[in-house]
Structure formats: C-alpha cells, structure tokens
Protein backbone atom coordinates (compact mmCIF):
# COMPACT_ATOMS: atom_id res chain seq x y z
CA UNK A 1 37.04 -3.90 -10.92
CA UNK A 2 34.83 -4.01 -7.86
CA UNK A 3 31.15 -3.37 -7.85
CA UNK A 4 29.25 -1.75 -5.07
CA UNK A 5 26.49 -3.80 -3.47
CA UNK A 6 23.03 -3.15 -4.77
CA UNK A 7 20.89 -1.60 -2.09
CA UNK A 8 17.34 -2.82 -1.69
CA UNK A 9 14.56 -0.43 -2.56
CA UNK A 10 11.95 0.77 -0.07
CA UNK A 11 9.43 -1.87 -1.15
CA UNK A 12 11.99 -4.64 -0.51
CA UNK A 13 12.44 -3.45 3.09
CA UNK A 14 8.74 -3.70 3.88
CA UNK A 15 6.62 -6.74 4.68
CA UNK A 16 4.38 -8.15 1.91
CA UNK A 17 1.15 -6.88 3.45
CA UNK A 18 2.51 -3.31 3.45
CA UNK A 19 3.77 -3.39 -0.13
CA UNK A 20 0.47 -4.91 -1.29
CA UNK A 21 -1.42 -2.15 0.50
CA UNK A 22 0.75 0.54 -1.07
CA UNK A 23 0.17 -1.00 -4.50
CA UNK A 24 -3.57 -0.95 -3.85
CA UNK A 25 -3.31 2.74 -3.00
CA UNK A 26 -1.54 3.39 -6.30
CA UNK A 27 -4.26 1.55 -8.20
CA UNK A 28 -6.93 3.68 -6.49
CA UNK A 29 -5.09 6.88 -7.39
CA UNK A 30 -4.82 5.78 -11.03
CA UNK A 31 -8.56 5.08 -11.20
CA UNK A 32 -9.40 8.45 -9.66
CA UNK A 33 -7.28 10.19 -12.29
CA UNK A 34 -8.89 8.14 -15.08
CA UNK A 35 -12.42 8.97 -13.90
CA UNK A 36 -11.53 12.66 -13.84
CA UNK A 37 -10.03 12.34 -17.33
CA UNK A 38 -13.22 10.85 -18.77
CA UNK A 39 -15.28 13.62 -17.22
CA UNK A 40 -12.91 16.23 -18.64
CA UNK A 41 -13.17 14.75 -22.14
CA UNK A 42 -16.97 14.71 -21.89
CA UNK A 43 -17.25 18.22 -20.48
CA UNK A 44 -14.85 19.64 -23.05
CA UNK A 45 -16.97 18.24 -25.86
CA UNK A 46 -20.23 19.42 -24.27
CA UNK A 47 -18.83 22.92 -24.05
CA UNK A 48 -18.35 23.21 -27.84
CA UNK A 49 -20.77 20.70 -29.36
CA UNK A 50 -23.62 23.21 -29.60
CA UNK A 51 -21.50 25.45 -31.79
CA UNK A 52 -21.68 22.81 -34.55
CA UNK A 53 -25.47 22.55 -34.38
CA UNK A 54 -28.54 24.65 -35.13
CA UNK A 55 -31.14 25.66 -32.57
CA UNK A 56 -32.85 22.29 -32.85
CA UNK A 57 -29.63 20.42 -32.09
CA UNK A 58 -28.96 19.16 -35.62
CA UNK A 59 -25.36 19.44 -36.85
CA UNK A 60 -24.79 22.16 -39.43
CA UNK A 61 -21.04 21.60 -39.52
CA UNK A 62 -21.05 17.84 -39.89
CA UNK A 63 -17.30 17.51 -40.32
CA UNK A 64 -16.51 19.64 -37.30
CA UNK A 65 -19.11 17.77 -35.27
CA UNK A 66 -17.76 14.37 -36.32
CA UNK A 67 -14.15 15.39 -35.71
CA UNK A 68 -15.07 16.65 -32.25
CA UNK A 69 -16.65 13.34 -31.30
CA UNK A 70 -13.67 11.42 -32.65
CA UNK A 71 -11.36 13.51 -30.46
CA UNK A 72 -13.60 13.02 -27.41
CA UNK A 73 -13.82 9.26 -27.93
CA UNK A 74 -10.06 8.90 -28.40
CA UNK A 75 -9.31 10.85 -25.23
CA UNK A 76 -11.88 8.91 -23.22
CA UNK A 77 -10.57 5.54 -24.41
CA UNK A 78 -7.13 6.31 -22.98
CA UNK A 79 -8.74 6.47 -19.55
CA UNK A 80 -10.80 3.33 -20.19
CA UNK A 81 -7.46 1.58 -20.72
CA UNK A 82 -6.39 2.77 -17.26
CA UNK A 83 -9.54 1.28 -15.78
CA UNK A 84 -8.81 -2.00 -17.54
CA UNK A 85 -5.26 -2.04 -16.18
CA UNK A 86 -6.02 -1.06 -12.58
CA UNK A 87 -9.70 -1.79 -12.01
CA UNK A 88 -9.44 -5.57 -11.43
CA UNK A 89 -6.84 -5.06 -8.68
CA UNK A 90 -9.03 -2.53 -6.89
CA UNK A 91 -12.07 -4.80 -7.20
CA UNK A 92 -10.08 -7.68 -5.73
CA UNK A 93 -8.90 -5.50 -2.86
CA UNK A 94 -12.44 -4.33 -2.14
CA UNK A 95 -13.73 -7.90 -2.03
CA UNK A 96 -10.93 -8.94 0.31
CA UNK A 97 -11.60 -6.06 2.73
CA UNK A 98 -15.39 -6.30 2.93
CA UNK A 99 -17.83 -8.58 4.67
CA UNK A 100 -21.59 -9.08 4.38
CA UNK A 101 -22.35 -6.25 6.79
CA UNK A 102 -20.64 -3.72 4.51
CA UNK A 103 -23.13 -4.57 1.78
CA UNK A 104 -26.12 -4.40 4.12
CA UNK A 105 -25.46 -1.19 6.06
CA UNK A 106 -22.81 1.45 6.42
CA UNK A 107 -21.46 4.37 4.43
CA UNK A 108 -20.38 2.40 1.34
CA UNK A 109 -23.20 -0.11 0.85
CA UNK A 110 -24.59 1.76 -2.16
CA UNK A 111 -21.12 2.17 -3.66
CA UNK A 112 -20.47 -1.55 -3.22
CA UNK A 113 -23.66 -2.43 -5.05
CA UNK A 114 -22.65 -0.24 -7.95
CA UNK A 115 -19.19 -1.80 -8.01
CA UNK A 116 -20.86 -4.98 -9.23
CA UNK A 117 -21.93 -3.08 -12.33
CA UNK A 118 -18.43 -1.82 -13.02
CA UNK A 119 -17.15 -5.39 -13.22
CA UNK A 120 -19.55 -6.03 -16.10
CA UNK A 121 -18.48 -2.81 -17.81
CA UNK A 122 -14.81 -3.70 -17.50
CA UNK A 123 -15.49 -7.14 -18.92
CA UNK A 124 -17.16 -5.74 -22.01
CA UNK A 125 -14.53 -3.04 -22.50
CA UNK A 126 -11.85 -5.70 -22.13
CA UNK A 127 -13.43 -7.78 -24.88
CA UNK A 128 -13.49 -4.70 -27.12
CA UNK A 129 -9.78 -4.14 -26.51
CA UNK A 130 -9.05 -7.80 -27.22
CA UNK A 131 -10.95 -7.63 -30.51
CA UNK A 132 -8.96 -4.57 -31.55
CA UNK A 133 -5.70 -6.33 -30.65
CA UNK A 134 -6.71 -9.27 -32.82
CA UNK A 135 -7.45 -6.94 -35.73
CA UNK A 136 -3.99 -5.40 -35.37
CA UNK A 137 -2.43 -8.87 -35.50
CA UNK A 138 -4.28 -9.64 -38.73
CA UNK A 139 -3.09 -6.35 -40.25
CA UNK A 140 0.60 -6.96 -39.58
CA UNK A 141 1.15 -8.24 -43.11
CA UNK A 142 -0.33 -5.15 -44.78
CA UNK A 143 1.70 -2.53 -46.59
CA UNK A 144 2.90 0.33 -44.32
CA UNK A 145 0.63 2.91 -45.92
CA UNK A 146 -2.40 0.64 -45.87
CA UNK A 147 -1.60 -0.48 -42.35
CA UNK A 148 -1.71 3.10 -41.07
CA UNK A 149 -5.08 3.74 -42.72
CA UNK A 150 -6.53 0.48 -41.40
CA UNK A 151 -5.18 1.15 -37.95
CA UNK A 152 -6.64 4.66 -37.81
CA UNK A 153 -10.00 3.37 -38.97
CA UNK A 154 -9.95 0.50 -36.49
CA UNK A 155 -8.95 2.81 -33.66
CA UNK A 156 -11.75 5.23 -34.50
CA UNK A 157 -14.25 2.38 -34.53
CA UNK A 158 -12.97 1.00 -31.22
CA UNK A 159 -13.02 4.42 -29.56
CA UNK A 160 -16.55 5.11 -30.79
CA UNK A 161 -17.80 1.84 -29.31
CA UNK A 162 -15.71 2.41 -26.21
CA UNK A 163 -17.38 5.75 -25.51
CA UNK A 164 -20.39 3.90 -24.13
CA UNK A 165 -18.16 2.12 -21.61
CA UNK A 166 -16.30 5.33 -20.83
CA UNK A 167 -19.60 7.02 -20.03
CA UNK A 168 -20.57 4.15 -17.71
CA UNK A 169 -17.17 4.20 -16.01
CA UNK A 170 -17.44 7.94 -15.37
CA UNK A 171 -20.52 7.13 -13.28
CA UNK A 172 -19.53 3.76 -11.80
CA UNK A 173 -15.83 4.50 -11.29
CA UNK A 174 -16.24 7.10 -8.53
CA UNK A 175 -18.43 4.64 -6.60
CA UNK A 176 -15.68 2.01 -6.69
CA UNK A 177 -13.07 4.60 -5.78
CA UNK A 178 -15.05 5.86 -2.77
CA UNK A 179 -15.54 2.32 -1.49
CA UNK A 180 -11.87 1.45 -2.01
CA UNK A 181 -10.63 4.61 -0.29
CA UNK A 182 -12.92 4.02 2.68
CA UNK A 183 -11.76 0.43 3.03
CA UNK A 184 -8.11 1.41 2.65
CA UNK A 185 -8.48 4.00 5.43
CA UNK A 186 -10.24 1.46 7.62
CA UNK A 187 -7.50 -1.09 7.04
CA UNK A 188 -4.88 1.52 7.97
CA UNK A 189 -6.71 2.24 11.22
CA UNK A 190 -7.15 -1.43 12.14
CA UNK A 191 -3.71 -2.69 11.19
CA UNK A 192 -0.85 -1.91 13.61
CA UNK A 193 2.18 -0.45 11.92
CA UNK A 194 5.20 -2.55 11.10
CA UNK A 195 7.27 -0.41 13.47
CA UNK A 196 4.82 -0.99 16.33
CA UNK A 197 4.81 -4.74 15.72
CA UNK A 198 8.60 -4.73 15.75
CA UNK A 199 8.71 -2.74 19.00
CA UNK A 200 6.32 -5.13 20.73
CA UNK A 201 8.25 -8.16 19.53
CA UNK A 202 11.54 -6.71 20.74
CA UNK A 203 10.12 -5.75 24.13
CA UNK A 204 8.80 -9.27 24.63
CA UNK A 205 12.13 -10.84 23.72
CA UNK A 206 14.24 -8.54 25.95
CA UNK A 207 16.07 -10.49 28.73
CA UNK A 208 14.60 -8.38 31.53
CA UNK A 209 11.06 -9.11 30.34
CA UNK A 210 11.39 -12.88 30.31
CA UNK A 211 9.36 -14.19 33.26
CA UNK A 212 9.46 -17.66 34.70
CA UNK A 213 6.03 -19.28 34.47
CA UNK A 214 4.26 -19.57 37.83
CA UNK A 215 3.83 -23.32 37.40
CA UNK A 216 7.52 -23.96 36.73
CA UNK A 217 9.04 -26.78 38.89
CA UNK A 218 11.09 -25.80 41.91
CA UNK A 219 14.84 -25.63 41.49
CA UNK A 220 16.65 -28.94 42.08
CA UNK A 221 18.83 -29.24 45.21
CA UNK A 222 22.53 -28.59 44.93
CA UNK A 223 24.86 -31.29 43.70
CA UNK A 224 26.90 -31.38 46.99
CA UNK A 225 24.88 -33.12 49.75
CA UNK A 226 25.36 -31.95 53.33
CA UNK A 227 28.00 -33.76 55.41
CA UNK A 228 26.56 -36.51 57.67
CA UNK A 229 26.59 -35.76 61.42
CA UNK A 230 28.83 -37.85 63.71
CA UNK A 231 27.21 -40.37 65.91
CA UNK A 232 28.39 -40.67 69.45
C-alpha cells in the first residue's frame, strides 16, 4: 500500500520571520477579543445590577445579586486566561519592535507606558492561576462528590479575586493592543515582502545581469604564439 506524500502547510513554506509575524498577529487578535469579552461581561452586569438593589444601592435580593456577580466573575476570568496565554508573546513582540524614541515621542508613547502596568497585572493573575492549579492537585484524592463541591468553591474564589485583574486588563489591554497593532503595521511597511526579496535575488543571479568588475585583470594572450618572421 502506497502513501501519498505529505504536503507542507502554508507556514512551512514561509520564512521564519514571516511565520513569527503572523503568529504575533494572531496573539494580538486574541487579546483584542479578550478585552472586548471582559467589557461585555462588565457591561452586562452593570445593566442589571441595579434591579437587585434599592434606591440607595444596597442589595435587596442578596442571592440574585451574589449570583450575578459570580456569573460576571466567571465570564471575565475566561478572558483573563486568554491574556495570560497570549499577553507575554505580544509584550515580547512590542519590546523587540520598539526603541527609546517610541517611548519618548510618537503616537504610542502613552500606550507603551501603560503596557508596563499590564506586565505586573499579568504576573499577579498568573500567580492566582498557579495557586488554583495547586489546589486542584491537592484535591485529586477527594471523593468525586466532594471534589466537585471543592472545585466549584475554589473556582468561585479564584474568579472573585480575578475580577480585580480583569478590570485592570480591560483598561490596560487596549493600550497594549493599540501599540502592538501600530508596531505590526510599521513592521509590515518597513519589511520587504518575501516575494520581492526573491525577485531581487533572482534578478541579480540571472546570467545576463552578471557584470565583470571594472578592475578585473585583462584577458591572457592566446596559447598559440605568432609564427616568427624569416630573416633574410
């Protein structure tokens, strides 16, 4: 039985700098979606939270109010996870594409300053996720019923603490995204395309375009010397 050759995917046909750039673009898109998701969770809760409270803002339906916050926190944490998964790559790309002048002047200097804050937020949110993972490891020996209750309680606690980081990311995230998108567009404009580089390389290597350097030595005389003249 014969097998057909495995064709290489699009990423395998592209140079490393192009595939890295495309990956960076995907990270930026993921962060933009996550920032929008946090804002949606916050706005959805704000739209109904007053219905659980009296005119002074105190909850009159405490269960409904608490359940609403639990739902908001759980939804927001999903997007915090996205920031934890993609944020470090975007931060690394931003650092690689910037110089000191970008921080001093220009359209993204304020966004770059705020991106320093998001690194701290991601670090703290990452520690919270690590702590929750450790708790889950410790609970592995529990009975199935108890494990589910412990897990739900631990998740609720994590999400409640994570809301603070989600709120910060909803403000800091767009700043990082704007800076990253600007730098990605600038890199696209400055970097010649792979096709253009290939065309230039081929044109230089074409036989008709190979020129003899001006300082090349003169051609050697022929191998057959002229016949000597007869003396009289």
